[in-house]
């Protein structure tokens, strides 16, 4: 049975998009915050199916399974729902002092893709999202308007992770920003 069998989408509007941009609420996922001393992470290198070797503000993996390093001792681990990855991480780090907290029910995610994606996000994100400044594999904690988010870039697409309580606001904000590009 999936870890989040009782998952209910926090989004009130359907996915939208055209060739210029797509804003798609993502379904449930396994999400964990890992706190681990940097020297222990360097020794471990991997935990479960996650690569912990990335620099701060980077993500290692794919859009579906990745470890985003958000600080010197903090990673956001995201995997397909119900895959049991947390157990493998805990087993691999059994000899190291660490904290692994399930935040799967706390967060929701939205994919923002297409050529206009950086401009749509920049309507509320105060970072340079040009590919030279925020290349694929980048990840950071930032703000989108008034909501704290984790932003990860994969190719031309972005993944926006936010608190479930902010998900309707973040989704509506992105849809409104996308109207300028004919995507809503």
N, C-alpha and C. Protein backbone atom coordinates (compact mmCIF):
# COMPACT_ATOMS: atom_id res chain seq x y z
N UNK A 1 0.85 -1.18 0.00
CA UNK A 1 0.00 0.00 0.00
C UNK A 1 0.89 1.24 0.00
N UNK A 2 0.58 2.26 -0.82
CA UNK A 2 1.38 3.47 -0.84
C UNK A 2 1.43 4.14 0.52
N UNK A 3 2.54 4.83 0.79
CA UNK A 3 2.70 5.52 2.06
C UNK A 3 1.60 6.55 2.29
N UNK A 4 1.09 7.14 1.23
CA UNK A 4 0.12 8.23 1.34
C UNK A 4 -1.19 7.82 0.70
N UNK A 5 -1.74 6.68 1.11
CA UNK A 5 -2.97 6.17 0.51
C UNK A 5 -4.13 7.15 0.68
N UNK A 6 -4.14 7.95 1.74
CA UNK A 6 -5.23 8.88 1.98
C UNK A 6 -4.95 10.26 1.38
N UNK A 7 -4.01 10.34 0.46
CA UNK A 7 -3.63 11.61 -0.14
C UNK A 7 -4.82 12.26 -0.85
N UNK A 8 -5.03 13.53 -0.55
CA UNK A 8 -6.02 14.33 -1.26
C UNK A 8 -5.30 15.54 -1.80
N UNK A 9 -5.50 15.80 -3.06
CA UNK A 9 -4.82 16.91 -3.71
C UNK A 9 -5.23 18.24 -3.08
N UNK A 10 -4.25 19.11 -2.78
CA UNK A 10 -4.58 20.42 -2.23
C UNK A 10 -4.93 21.44 -3.31
N UNK A 11 -4.84 21.06 -4.58
CA UNK A 11 -5.02 22.01 -5.68
C UNK A 11 -6.49 22.13 -6.03
N UNK A 12 -6.92 23.37 -6.30
CA UNK A 12 -8.32 23.62 -6.58
C UNK A 12 -8.60 23.78 -8.07
N UNK A 13 -7.55 23.99 -8.88
CA UNK A 13 -7.73 24.19 -10.31
C UNK A 13 -7.00 23.08 -11.06
N UNK A 14 -7.46 22.73 -12.24
CA UNK A 14 -6.79 21.69 -13.00
C UNK A 14 -5.46 22.17 -13.57
N UNK A 15 -4.69 21.23 -14.08
CA UNK A 15 -3.43 21.57 -14.74
C UNK A 15 -3.71 22.44 -15.94
N UNK A 16 -2.74 23.28 -16.29
CA UNK A 16 -2.91 24.14 -17.46
C UNK A 16 -1.61 24.16 -18.23
N UNK A 17 -1.70 24.56 -19.48
CA UNK A 17 -0.48 24.70 -20.24
C UNK A 17 -0.71 24.76 -21.73
N UNK A 18 0.25 25.36 -22.40
CA UNK A 18 0.31 25.40 -23.85
C UNK A 18 1.75 25.12 -24.21
N UNK A 19 2.12 25.41 -25.44
CA UNK A 19 3.50 25.21 -25.84
C UNK A 19 4.47 26.13 -25.11
N UNK A 20 4.00 27.29 -24.66
CA UNK A 20 4.88 28.25 -24.00
C UNK A 20 5.22 27.84 -22.57
N UNK A 21 4.27 27.23 -21.89
CA UNK A 21 4.50 26.85 -20.49
C UNK A 21 3.43 25.89 -20.04
N UNK A 22 3.78 25.07 -19.07
CA UNK A 22 2.83 24.17 -18.45
C UNK A 22 2.95 24.29 -16.94
N UNK A 23 1.83 24.29 -16.26
CA UNK A 23 1.80 24.34 -14.80
C UNK A 23 0.97 23.14 -14.38
N UNK A 24 1.65 22.14 -13.82
CA UNK A 24 1.00 20.86 -13.56
C UNK A 24 1.18 20.48 -12.09
N UNK A 25 0.09 20.40 -11.33
CA UNK A 25 0.19 19.89 -9.96
C UNK A 25 0.65 18.43 -10.01
N UNK A 26 1.58 18.08 -9.17
CA UNK A 26 2.10 16.72 -9.14
C UNK A 26 1.40 15.93 -8.03
N UNK A 27 1.35 14.65 -8.21
CA UNK A 27 0.69 13.77 -7.24
C UNK A 27 1.55 13.53 -6.02
N UNK A 28 1.13 12.60 -5.19
CA UNK A 28 1.86 12.32 -3.96
C UNK A 28 3.26 11.79 -4.25
N UNK A 29 4.15 12.02 -3.32
CA UNK A 29 5.53 11.54 -3.43
C UNK A 29 6.03 11.25 -2.02
N UNK A 30 7.05 10.44 -1.96
CA UNK A 30 7.75 10.20 -0.70
C UNK A 30 8.74 11.34 -0.53
N UNK A 31 8.62 12.08 0.56
CA UNK A 31 9.52 13.21 0.81
C UNK A 31 10.06 13.09 2.23
N UNK A 32 11.35 13.24 2.36
CA UNK A 32 11.99 13.19 3.67
C UNK A 32 13.03 14.28 3.76
N UNK A 33 13.18 14.85 4.94
CA UNK A 33 14.26 15.79 5.21
C UNK A 33 15.32 14.99 5.97
N UNK A 34 16.51 14.99 5.42
CA UNK A 34 17.65 14.30 6.03
C UNK A 34 18.60 15.34 6.58
N UNK A 35 18.94 15.21 7.85
CA UNK A 35 19.97 16.05 8.47
C UNK A 35 21.12 15.12 8.81
N UNK A 36 22.31 15.45 8.33
CA UNK A 36 23.47 14.58 8.46
C UNK A 36 24.72 15.45 8.40
N UNK A 37 25.67 15.20 9.28
CA UNK A 37 26.92 15.97 9.27
C UNK A 37 27.59 15.86 7.90
N UNK A 38 28.12 16.97 7.38
CA UNK A 38 28.73 16.95 6.05
C UNK A 38 29.85 15.91 5.91
N UNK A 39 30.65 15.72 6.95
CA UNK A 39 31.73 14.73 6.84
C UNK A 39 31.16 13.31 6.75
N UNK A 40 30.04 13.05 7.43
CA UNK A 40 29.39 11.74 7.33
C UNK A 40 28.80 11.54 5.93
N UNK A 41 28.25 12.61 5.36
CA UNK A 41 27.70 12.52 4.00
C UNK A 41 28.81 12.24 3.00
N UNK A 42 29.97 12.86 3.19
CA UNK A 42 31.10 12.62 2.29
C UNK A 42 31.54 11.17 2.35
N UNK A 43 31.53 10.59 3.54
CA UNK A 43 31.91 9.19 3.70
C UNK A 43 30.84 8.29 3.10
N UNK A 44 29.56 8.58 3.38
CA UNK A 44 28.47 7.75 2.88
C UNK A 44 28.36 7.85 1.37
N UNK A 45 28.45 9.07 0.84
CA UNK A 45 28.32 9.27 -0.61
C UNK A 45 26.92 9.02 -1.11
N UNK A 46 26.37 7.87 -0.76
CA UNK A 46 25.01 7.50 -1.14
C UNK A 46 24.27 7.02 0.09
N UNK A 47 22.97 7.19 0.06
CA UNK A 47 22.11 6.65 1.11
C UNK A 47 20.87 6.12 0.40
N UNK A 48 20.65 4.82 0.51
CA UNK A 48 19.56 4.23 -0.26
C UNK A 48 19.85 4.44 -1.73
N UNK A 49 18.90 4.97 -2.45
CA UNK A 49 19.08 5.23 -3.88
C UNK A 49 19.40 6.69 -4.15
N UNK A 50 19.83 7.42 -3.12
CA UNK A 50 20.09 8.86 -3.24
C UNK A 50 21.57 9.16 -3.23
N UNK A 51 21.98 10.07 -4.10
CA UNK A 51 23.36 10.55 -4.18
C UNK A 51 23.46 11.80 -3.32
N UNK A 52 24.22 11.74 -2.24
CA UNK A 52 24.37 12.86 -1.31
C UNK A 52 25.61 13.70 -1.60
N UNK A 53 26.27 13.45 -2.72
CA UNK A 53 27.56 14.09 -3.00
C UNK A 53 27.46 15.49 -3.58
N UNK A 54 26.28 15.97 -3.86
CA UNK A 54 26.14 17.28 -4.48
C UNK A 54 26.53 18.43 -3.58
N UNK A 55 26.91 19.52 -4.22
CA UNK A 55 27.23 20.75 -3.49
C UNK A 55 25.94 21.36 -2.95
N UNK A 56 26.09 22.29 -2.02
CA UNK A 56 24.93 23.02 -1.51
C UNK A 56 24.25 23.71 -2.68
N UNK A 57 22.92 23.72 -2.68
CA UNK A 57 22.08 24.30 -3.74
C UNK A 57 22.16 23.51 -5.04
N UNK A 58 22.28 22.18 -4.90
CA UNK A 58 22.25 21.32 -6.08
C UNK A 58 21.35 20.13 -5.81
N UNK A 59 20.93 19.49 -6.88
CA UNK A 59 20.11 18.28 -6.78
C UNK A 59 20.77 17.19 -7.61
N UNK A 60 20.82 16.00 -7.07
CA UNK A 60 21.37 14.83 -7.76
C UNK A 60 20.25 13.82 -7.94
N UNK A 61 20.09 13.34 -9.16
CA UNK A 61 19.09 12.33 -9.45
C UNK A 61 18.31 12.70 -10.69
N UNK A 62 17.01 12.38 -10.66
CA UNK A 62 16.12 12.69 -11.76
C UNK A 62 14.96 13.51 -11.22
N UNK A 63 14.07 13.93 -12.10
CA UNK A 63 12.91 14.69 -11.65
C UNK A 63 11.99 13.90 -10.75
N UNK A 64 12.07 12.56 -10.79
CA UNK A 64 11.20 11.71 -9.99
C UNK A 64 11.85 11.27 -8.68
N UNK A 65 13.18 11.08 -8.67
CA UNK A 65 13.91 10.65 -7.47
C UNK A 65 15.18 11.49 -7.38
N UNK A 66 15.27 12.30 -6.33
CA UNK A 66 16.45 13.14 -6.20
C UNK A 66 16.73 13.50 -4.75
N UNK A 67 17.98 13.93 -4.54
CA UNK A 67 18.41 14.48 -3.25
C UNK A 67 18.82 15.92 -3.52
N UNK A 68 18.09 16.87 -2.95
CA UNK A 68 18.40 18.29 -3.10
C UNK A 68 19.12 18.73 -1.83
N UNK A 69 20.35 19.17 -2.00
CA UNK A 69 21.12 19.64 -0.84
C UNK A 69 20.82 21.11 -0.62
N UNK A 70 20.14 21.40 0.49
CA UNK A 70 19.68 22.75 0.77
C UNK A 70 20.54 23.50 1.77
N UNK A 71 21.45 22.80 2.41
CA UNK A 71 22.34 23.42 3.39
C UNK A 71 23.51 22.50 3.63
N UNK A 72 24.43 22.90 4.49
CA UNK A 72 25.61 22.07 4.72
C UNK A 72 25.28 20.71 5.30
N UNK A 73 24.16 20.61 6.03
CA UNK A 73 23.81 19.33 6.64
C UNK A 73 22.35 18.95 6.39
N UNK A 74 21.75 19.47 5.31
CA UNK A 74 20.33 19.24 5.05
C UNK A 74 20.06 18.88 3.60
N UNK A 75 19.29 17.79 3.42
CA UNK A 75 18.86 17.33 2.10
C UNK A 75 17.36 17.12 2.10
N UNK A 76 16.72 17.44 0.99
CA UNK A 76 15.34 17.05 0.75
C UNK A 76 15.40 15.85 -0.18
N UNK A 77 14.89 14.71 0.28
CA UNK A 77 14.89 13.48 -0.51
C UNK A 77 13.49 13.26 -1.05
N UNK A 78 13.36 13.16 -2.37
CA UNK A 78 12.06 12.97 -3.01
C UNK A 78 12.13 11.71 -3.86
N UNK A 79 11.11 10.85 -3.73
CA UNK A 79 11.05 9.60 -4.47
C UNK A 79 9.60 9.27 -4.80
N UNK A 80 9.37 8.32 -5.68
CA UNK A 80 7.99 7.91 -5.95
C UNK A 80 7.30 7.46 -4.67
N UNK A 81 6.02 7.75 -4.57
CA UNK A 81 5.24 7.41 -3.39
C UNK A 81 5.26 5.91 -3.13
N UNK A 82 5.50 5.54 -1.89
CA UNK A 82 5.41 4.15 -1.48
C UNK A 82 6.57 3.27 -1.89
N UNK A 83 7.69 3.84 -2.28
CA UNK A 83 8.80 3.00 -2.77
C UNK A 83 9.69 2.47 -1.65
N UNK A 84 9.46 2.88 -0.41
CA UNK A 84 10.24 2.36 0.71
C UNK A 84 11.65 2.90 0.80
N UNK A 85 11.91 4.01 0.15
CA UNK A 85 13.27 4.56 0.12
C UNK A 85 13.76 4.98 1.50
N UNK A 86 12.87 5.42 2.37
CA UNK A 86 13.29 5.87 3.70
C UNK A 86 13.93 4.74 4.49
N UNK A 87 13.41 3.56 4.37
CA UNK A 87 13.98 2.41 5.06
C UNK A 87 15.39 2.10 4.58
N UNK A 88 15.62 2.22 3.29
CA UNK A 88 16.96 1.98 2.73
C UNK A 88 17.93 3.07 3.17
N UNK A 89 17.47 4.32 3.22
CA UNK A 89 18.32 5.42 3.68
C UNK A 89 18.71 5.18 5.14
N UNK A 90 17.73 4.87 5.97
CA UNK A 90 18.00 4.63 7.39
C UNK A 90 18.96 3.46 7.58
N UNK A 91 18.80 2.41 6.80
CA UNK A 91 19.70 1.25 6.91
C UNK A 91 21.12 1.62 6.50
N UNK A 92 21.27 2.37 5.42
CA UNK A 92 22.60 2.77 4.95
C UNK A 92 23.29 3.72 5.91
N UNK A 93 22.53 4.50 6.65
CA UNK A 93 23.11 5.47 7.58
C UNK A 93 23.04 4.99 9.02
N UNK A 94 22.79 3.71 9.22
CA UNK A 94 22.62 3.15 10.55
C UNK A 94 23.74 3.45 11.52
N UNK A 95 24.98 3.55 11.05
CA UNK A 95 26.10 3.83 11.94
C UNK A 95 26.39 5.30 12.12
N UNK A 96 25.65 6.16 11.45
CA UNK A 96 25.89 7.61 11.51
C UNK A 96 24.76 8.28 12.29
N UNK A 97 25.13 9.30 13.07
CA UNK A 97 24.13 10.12 13.73
C UNK A 97 23.42 10.94 12.67
N UNK A 98 22.11 10.81 12.56
CA UNK A 98 21.35 11.53 11.55
C UNK A 98 19.89 11.68 11.99
N UNK A 99 19.17 12.51 11.28
CA UNK A 99 17.74 12.68 11.47
C UNK A 99 17.08 12.53 10.11
N UNK A 100 16.04 11.70 10.04
CA UNK A 100 15.31 11.48 8.80
C UNK A 100 13.82 11.65 9.12
N UNK A 101 13.21 12.71 8.61
CA UNK A 101 11.84 13.06 8.96
C UNK A 101 10.96 13.01 7.71
N UNK A 102 9.86 12.29 7.80
CA UNK A 102 8.89 12.19 6.71
C UNK A 102 8.10 13.50 6.63
N UNK A 103 8.17 14.17 5.48
CA UNK A 103 7.42 15.41 5.26
C UNK A 103 6.49 15.26 4.05
N UNK A 104 6.19 14.02 3.69
CA UNK A 104 5.36 13.75 2.52
C UNK A 104 3.97 14.33 2.59
N UNK A 105 3.35 14.30 3.75
CA UNK A 105 2.00 14.85 3.89
C UNK A 105 2.02 16.36 4.07
N UNK A 106 3.17 16.90 4.41
CA UNK A 106 3.29 18.34 4.67
C UNK A 106 3.43 19.14 3.38
N UNK A 107 3.96 18.53 2.33
CA UNK A 107 4.31 19.26 1.12
C UNK A 107 3.51 18.81 -0.09
N UNK A 108 3.49 19.69 -1.08
CA UNK A 108 2.89 19.43 -2.38
C UNK A 108 3.85 19.97 -3.43
N UNK A 109 3.70 19.52 -4.66
CA UNK A 109 4.63 19.95 -5.71
C UNK A 109 3.88 20.33 -6.98
N UNK A 110 4.50 21.24 -7.72
CA UNK A 110 3.98 21.72 -8.99
C UNK A 110 5.14 21.72 -9.98
N UNK A 111 4.89 21.19 -11.17
CA UNK A 111 5.89 21.25 -12.25
C UNK A 111 5.58 22.47 -13.10
N UNK A 112 6.61 23.24 -13.40
CA UNK A 112 6.48 24.40 -14.28
C UNK A 112 7.47 24.16 -15.41
N UNK A 113 6.95 24.04 -16.63
CA UNK A 113 7.81 23.67 -17.75
C UNK A 113 7.55 24.56 -18.95
N UNK A 114 8.44 24.43 -19.92
CA UNK A 114 8.32 25.18 -21.16
C UNK A 114 9.26 26.36 -21.22
N UNK A 115 9.32 26.97 -22.39
CA UNK A 115 10.24 28.07 -22.63
C UNK A 115 9.98 29.27 -21.72
N UNK A 116 8.74 29.49 -21.33
CA UNK A 116 8.40 30.65 -20.49
C UNK A 116 8.52 30.36 -19.00
N UNK A 117 8.86 29.15 -18.63
CA UNK A 117 8.90 28.78 -17.21
C UNK A 117 9.75 29.72 -16.35
N UNK A 118 10.98 30.07 -16.76
CA UNK A 118 11.76 30.99 -15.92
C UNK A 118 11.08 32.35 -15.72
N UNK A 119 10.45 32.87 -16.77
CA UNK A 119 9.79 34.17 -16.65
C UNK A 119 8.56 34.08 -15.75
N UNK A 120 7.82 32.98 -15.85
CA UNK A 120 6.64 32.79 -15.00
C UNK A 120 7.07 32.76 -13.54
N UNK A 121 8.10 31.97 -13.24
CA UNK A 121 8.58 31.88 -11.87
C UNK A 121 9.15 33.20 -11.38
N UNK A 122 9.81 33.95 -12.27
CA UNK A 122 10.38 35.23 -11.85
C UNK A 122 9.33 36.29 -11.54
N UNK A 123 8.08 36.01 -11.83
CA UNK A 123 7.02 36.93 -11.39
C UNK A 123 6.96 36.97 -9.87
N UNK A 124 7.45 35.90 -9.20
CA UNK A 124 7.41 35.88 -7.74
C UNK A 124 8.69 35.43 -7.07
N UNK A 125 9.65 34.92 -7.84
CA UNK A 125 10.91 34.42 -7.28
C UNK A 125 12.01 35.45 -7.53
N UNK A 126 12.65 35.96 -6.47
CA UNK A 126 13.65 37.03 -6.64
C UNK A 126 15.05 36.50 -6.94
N UNK A 127 15.16 35.49 -7.81
CA UNK A 127 16.46 34.93 -8.19
C UNK A 127 16.63 35.02 -9.69
N UNK A 128 17.87 35.04 -10.14
CA UNK A 128 18.16 34.98 -11.56
C UNK A 128 17.99 33.53 -11.99
N UNK A 129 16.95 33.23 -12.76
CA UNK A 129 16.68 31.86 -13.19
C UNK A 129 17.16 31.58 -14.60
N UNK A 130 17.99 32.47 -15.14
CA UNK A 130 18.63 32.20 -16.41
C UNK A 130 19.44 30.90 -16.27
N UNK A 131 19.50 30.12 -17.31
CA UNK A 131 20.18 28.83 -17.25
C UNK A 131 21.65 28.94 -16.87
N UNK A 132 22.27 30.08 -17.15
CA UNK A 132 23.68 30.25 -16.76
C UNK A 132 23.82 30.49 -15.26
N UNK A 133 22.83 31.09 -14.63
CA UNK A 133 22.88 31.38 -13.20
C UNK A 133 22.26 30.26 -12.36
N UNK A 134 21.25 29.59 -12.91
CA UNK A 134 20.53 28.52 -12.19
C UNK A 134 20.38 27.36 -13.17
N UNK A 135 21.49 26.62 -13.40
CA UNK A 135 21.47 25.57 -14.43
C UNK A 135 20.71 24.33 -13.98
N UNK A 136 20.42 23.41 -14.91
CA UNK A 136 19.80 22.15 -14.52
C UNK A 136 20.61 21.47 -13.42
N UNK A 137 19.90 20.91 -12.45
CA UNK A 137 20.56 20.31 -11.29
C UNK A 137 20.70 21.28 -10.13
N UNK A 138 20.19 22.50 -10.28
CA UNK A 138 20.22 23.48 -9.19
C UNK A 138 19.00 23.29 -8.31
N UNK A 139 19.16 23.59 -7.03
CA UNK A 139 18.06 23.51 -6.07
C UNK A 139 18.31 24.53 -4.98
N UNK A 140 17.25 25.17 -4.52
CA UNK A 140 17.39 26.15 -3.46
C UNK A 140 16.07 26.35 -2.73
N UNK A 141 16.18 26.81 -1.51
CA UNK A 141 15.01 27.26 -0.76
C UNK A 141 14.90 28.75 -1.01
N UNK A 142 13.72 29.21 -1.37
CA UNK A 142 13.52 30.63 -1.68
C UNK A 142 12.05 30.98 -1.42
N UNK A 143 11.66 32.14 -1.89
CA UNK A 143 10.27 32.58 -1.80
C UNK A 143 9.67 32.70 -3.18
N UNK A 144 8.39 32.37 -3.29
CA UNK A 144 7.60 32.69 -4.46
C UNK A 144 6.50 33.59 -3.93
N UNK A 145 6.61 34.86 -4.21
CA UNK A 145 5.72 35.87 -3.64
C UNK A 145 5.83 35.78 -2.11
N UNK A 146 4.79 35.32 -1.42
CA UNK A 146 4.83 35.26 0.04
C UNK A 146 4.96 33.84 0.58
N UNK A 147 5.21 32.88 -0.28
CA UNK A 147 5.28 31.48 0.14
C UNK A 147 6.71 30.96 0.05
N UNK A 148 7.14 30.25 1.11
CA UNK A 148 8.45 29.60 1.06
C UNK A 148 8.33 28.37 0.17
N UNK A 149 9.31 28.19 -0.72
CA UNK A 149 9.32 27.05 -1.62
C UNK A 149 10.73 26.46 -1.69
N UNK A 150 10.80 25.25 -2.20
CA UNK A 150 12.06 24.67 -2.65
C UNK A 150 11.92 24.59 -4.16
N UNK A 151 12.88 25.15 -4.87
CA UNK A 151 12.85 25.20 -6.33
C UNK A 151 13.98 24.35 -6.87
N UNK A 152 13.64 23.41 -7.76
CA UNK A 152 14.63 22.52 -8.38
C UNK A 152 14.47 22.65 -9.89
N UNK A 153 15.60 22.73 -10.59
CA UNK A 153 15.56 22.83 -12.05
C UNK A 153 16.05 21.55 -12.69
N UNK A 154 15.24 21.04 -13.62
CA UNK A 154 15.61 19.88 -14.43
C UNK A 154 15.42 20.28 -15.89
N UNK A 155 16.49 20.45 -16.65
CA UNK A 155 16.36 20.85 -18.06
C UNK A 155 15.65 22.19 -18.16
N UNK A 156 14.61 22.23 -19.00
CA UNK A 156 13.81 23.46 -19.13
C UNK A 156 12.69 23.52 -18.10
N UNK A 157 12.57 22.49 -17.28
CA UNK A 157 11.48 22.44 -16.32
C UNK A 157 11.94 22.66 -14.89
N UNK A 158 10.99 23.05 -14.06
CA UNK A 158 11.24 23.31 -12.66
C UNK A 158 10.24 22.51 -11.83
N UNK A 159 10.65 22.17 -10.64
CA UNK A 159 9.76 21.55 -9.66
C UNK A 159 9.68 22.52 -8.50
N UNK A 160 8.46 22.90 -8.12
CA UNK A 160 8.21 23.79 -7.00
C UNK A 160 7.61 22.96 -5.88
N UNK A 161 8.32 22.86 -4.76
CA UNK A 161 7.83 22.17 -3.57
C UNK A 161 7.41 23.24 -2.58
N UNK A 162 6.20 23.09 -2.03
CA UNK A 162 5.72 24.06 -1.04
C UNK A 162 4.87 23.35 0.00
N UNK A 163 4.60 24.06 1.08
CA UNK A 163 3.71 23.52 2.10
C UNK A 163 2.32 23.33 1.50
N UNK A 164 1.66 22.24 1.87
CA UNK A 164 0.32 21.95 1.34
C UNK A 164 -0.63 23.12 1.58
N UNK A 165 -0.49 23.79 2.71
CA UNK A 165 -1.40 24.90 3.01
C UNK A 165 -1.20 26.07 2.05
N UNK A 166 -0.01 26.18 1.46
CA UNK A 166 0.26 27.25 0.49
C UNK A 166 0.04 26.80 -0.95
N UNK A 167 -0.21 25.52 -1.18
CA UNK A 167 -0.32 24.99 -2.54
C UNK A 167 -1.39 25.70 -3.39
N UNK A 168 -2.60 25.92 -2.89
CA UNK A 168 -3.58 26.63 -3.72
C UNK A 168 -3.11 28.04 -4.10
N UNK A 169 -2.50 28.75 -3.15
CA UNK A 169 -1.98 30.09 -3.41
C UNK A 169 -0.87 30.06 -4.45
N UNK A 170 0.11 29.15 -4.28
CA UNK A 170 1.24 29.05 -5.21
C UNK A 170 0.74 28.68 -6.60
N UNK A 171 -0.18 27.72 -6.67
CA UNK A 171 -0.71 27.30 -7.96
C UNK A 171 -1.45 28.46 -8.65
N UNK A 172 -2.30 29.16 -7.91
CA UNK A 172 -3.04 30.29 -8.48
C UNK A 172 -2.08 31.40 -8.92
N UNK A 173 -1.05 31.66 -8.13
CA UNK A 173 -0.07 32.68 -8.49
C UNK A 173 0.62 32.32 -9.81
N UNK A 174 1.05 31.07 -9.93
CA UNK A 174 1.73 30.64 -11.15
C UNK A 174 0.80 30.68 -12.36
N UNK A 175 -0.45 30.27 -12.17
CA UNK A 175 -1.42 30.33 -13.28
C UNK A 175 -1.66 31.77 -13.73
N UNK A 176 -1.75 32.69 -12.77
CA UNK A 176 -1.95 34.10 -13.11
C UNK A 176 -0.73 34.65 -13.85
N UNK A 177 0.47 34.32 -13.36
CA UNK A 177 1.69 34.77 -14.04
C UNK A 177 1.78 34.18 -15.44
N UNK A 178 1.31 32.96 -15.63
CA UNK A 178 1.38 32.30 -16.93
C UNK A 178 0.43 32.91 -17.96
N UNK A 179 -0.59 33.61 -17.49
CA UNK A 179 -1.53 34.23 -18.44
C UNK A 179 -0.82 35.18 -19.41
N UNK A 180 0.23 35.82 -18.93
CA UNK A 180 0.99 36.72 -19.79
C UNK A 180 1.61 35.98 -20.98
N UNK A 181 1.83 34.69 -20.82
CA UNK A 181 2.47 33.89 -21.86
C UNK A 181 1.47 32.99 -22.57
N UNK A 182 0.18 33.23 -22.36
CA UNK A 182 -0.85 32.45 -23.02
C UNK A 182 -0.95 31.03 -22.54
N UNK A 183 -0.52 30.78 -21.31
CA UNK A 183 -0.50 29.41 -20.81
C UNK A 183 -1.64 29.11 -19.85
N UNK A 184 -2.46 30.06 -19.53
CA UNK A 184 -3.54 29.77 -18.56
C UNK A 184 -4.89 29.98 -19.19
